[in-house]
Amino acid sequence: MVEVAIMVLARVGTERRHWNHHKRRGPAPLRKDDITSVPAVLYGLAAVAMVVGALTVRVESTLSAVGTFALFGLLLPAFAANSVMVMATHGRPETVTRWQRGLAWTVAAGGGLVSAGLVG
């Protein structure tokens, strides 16, 4: 729920920037303003955390469990982590500060770990 709420808030901000540009009240949004344009490091952090979580909880190796892990343990945490950076920098990843990057990494790793509890 929290990850989806973060993604929705980031998307609303992105749409607002697009609308302001359309009404000639702001600059054109950048390509990196999209919450699905995720840096590979966030996917990696979520994947490592997901594997660590899966090793601590007994999980069946079914196609359904793997699909659920991919959604809740990889995609959603990475998208939510990238949404944190998009909201913090208004779509300008080159302006990310150390604490903002740390917060995004925490969201990615935390989401990956929590996914084991959801699937297990």
Protein backbone atom coordinates (compact mmCIF):
# COMPACT_ATOMS: atom_id res chain seq x y z
CA MET A 1 0.00 0.00 0.00
CA VAL A 2 2.75 2.44 0.97
CA GLU A 3 4.71 1.78 -2.22
CA VAL A 4 1.64 2.34 -4.39
CA ALA A 5 0.81 5.56 -2.51
CA ILE A 6 4.36 6.85 -3.10
CA MET A 7 4.10 6.02 -6.80
CA VAL A 8 0.73 7.76 -7.12
CA LEU A 9 2.06 10.91 -5.42
CA ALA A 10 5.06 10.99 -7.75
CA ARG A 11 2.84 10.48 -10.79
CA VAL A 12 0.51 13.30 -9.73
CA GLY A 13 3.52 15.62 -9.45
CA THR A 14 4.71 14.56 -12.89
CA GLU A 15 1.30 15.18 -14.41
CA ARG A 16 1.15 18.59 -12.73
CA ARG A 17 4.50 19.51 -14.31
CA HIS A 18 3.23 18.35 -17.72
CA TRP A 19 0.06 20.39 -17.29
CA ASN A 20 1.99 23.50 -16.21
CA HIS A 21 4.20 23.18 -19.29
CA HIS A 22 1.14 22.78 -21.49
CA LYS A 23 -0.36 25.96 -20.03
CA ARG A 24 3.01 27.73 -20.59
CA ARG A 25 3.59 28.16 -16.84
CA GLY A 26 6.64 25.97 -16.50
CA PRO A 27 9.53 24.28 -18.26
CA ALA A 28 9.16 21.10 -20.25
CA PRO A 29 9.30 17.98 -18.08
CA LEU A 30 12.40 15.87 -18.49
CA ARG A 31 12.42 12.32 -19.82
CA LYS A 32 13.64 11.07 -16.41
CA ASP A 33 10.47 12.50 -14.82
CA ASP A 34 8.75 9.18 -15.55
CA ILE A 35 8.54 6.92 -12.48
CA THR A 36 9.10 3.81 -14.62
CA SER A 37 12.53 5.00 -15.79
CA VAL A 38 14.31 3.25 -12.91
CA PRO A 39 18.09 3.12 -12.47
CA ALA A 40 19.49 -0.42 -12.53
CA VAL A 41 20.94 -0.06 -9.02
CA LEU A 42 17.44 0.16 -7.54
CA TYR A 43 16.40 -3.07 -9.27
CA GLY A 44 19.59 -4.68 -7.99
CA LEU A 45 19.00 -3.59 -4.40
CA ALA A 46 15.41 -4.81 -4.48
CA ALA A 47 16.48 -8.13 -6.00
CA VAL A 48 19.21 -8.76 -3.41
CA ALA A 49 16.86 -7.87 -0.56
CA MET A 50 14.18 -10.09 -2.07
CA VAL A 51 16.56 -13.07 -2.25
CA VAL A 52 17.70 -12.50 1.34
CA GLY A 53 14.08 -12.36 2.44
CA ALA A 54 13.24 -15.51 0.48
CA LEU A 55 16.07 -17.39 2.18
CA THR A 56 14.69 -16.51 5.62
CA VAL A 57 11.11 -17.59 4.88
CA ARG A 58 10.04 -20.94 3.50
CA VAL A 59 8.57 -20.24 0.05
CA GLU A 60 7.24 -22.66 -2.55
CA SER A 61 8.97 -22.59 -5.94
CA THR A 62 5.80 -22.33 -8.00
CA LEU A 63 5.23 -20.09 -10.98
CA SER A 64 2.67 -18.11 -8.98
CA ALA A 65 5.14 -17.47 -6.14
CA VAL A 66 7.87 -16.40 -8.57
CA GLY A 67 5.46 -14.01 -10.31
CA THR A 68 4.35 -12.57 -6.98
CA PHE A 69 7.99 -12.12 -5.96
CA ALA A 70 8.73 -10.36 -9.24
CA LEU A 71 5.85 -7.94 -8.72
CA PHE A 72 6.03 -7.27 -4.98
CA GLY A 73 9.74 -7.84 -4.49
CA LEU A 74 11.25 -6.28 -7.57
CA LEU A 75 9.00 -4.00 -9.61
CA LEU A 76 7.02 -2.22 -6.91
CA PRO A 77 10.00 -1.50 -4.62
CA ALA A 78 12.11 -0.23 -7.54
CA PHE A 79 9.29 1.94 -8.87
CA ALA A 80 8.55 3.30 -5.38
CA ALA A 81 12.24 4.03 -4.75
CA ASN A 82 12.53 5.85 -8.06
CA SER A 83 9.34 7.75 -7.21
CA VAL A 84 11.03 9.01 -4.05
CA MET A 85 13.85 10.44 -6.15
CA VAL A 86 11.46 11.90 -8.75
CA MET A 87 9.47 13.67 -6.02
CA ALA A 88 12.60 14.90 -4.25
CA THR A 89 14.25 16.29 -7.39
CA HIS A 90 11.28 17.10 -9.62
CA GLY A 91 12.57 14.69 -12.27
CA ARG A 92 16.18 15.86 -12.28
CA PRO A 93 18.22 12.83 -11.16
CA GLU A 94 21.51 14.71 -11.47
CA THR A 95 20.44 16.88 -8.50
CA VAL A 96 19.89 13.94 -6.13
CA THR A 97 21.61 14.46 -2.80
CA ARG A 98 23.23 11.72 -0.75
CA TRP A 99 20.36 11.50 1.76
CA GLN A 100 17.74 11.33 -1.03
CA ARG A 101 19.64 8.50 -2.70
CA GLY A 102 19.95 6.73 0.66
CA LEU A 103 16.21 7.06 1.23
CA ALA A 104 15.49 5.60 -2.21
CA TRP A 105 17.88 2.70 -1.57
CA THR A 106 16.16 2.06 1.77
CA VAL A 107 12.76 1.96 0.08
CA ALA A 108 14.03 -0.49 -2.57
CA ALA A 109 15.71 -2.78 -0.05
CA GLY A 110 12.83 -2.59 2.44
CA GLY A 111 10.27 -3.44 -0.21
CA GLY A 112 12.33 -6.41 -1.36
CA LEU A 113 12.61 -7.75 2.20
CA VAL A 114 8.94 -7.24 3.00
CA SER A 115 7.92 -9.11 -0.14
CA ALA A 116 9.11 -12.37 1.41
CA GLY A 117 6.53 -11.94 4.15
CA LEU A 118 3.80 -11.32 1.58
CA VAL A 119 4.63 -14.41 -0.46
CA GLY A 120 5.63 -16.73 2.41
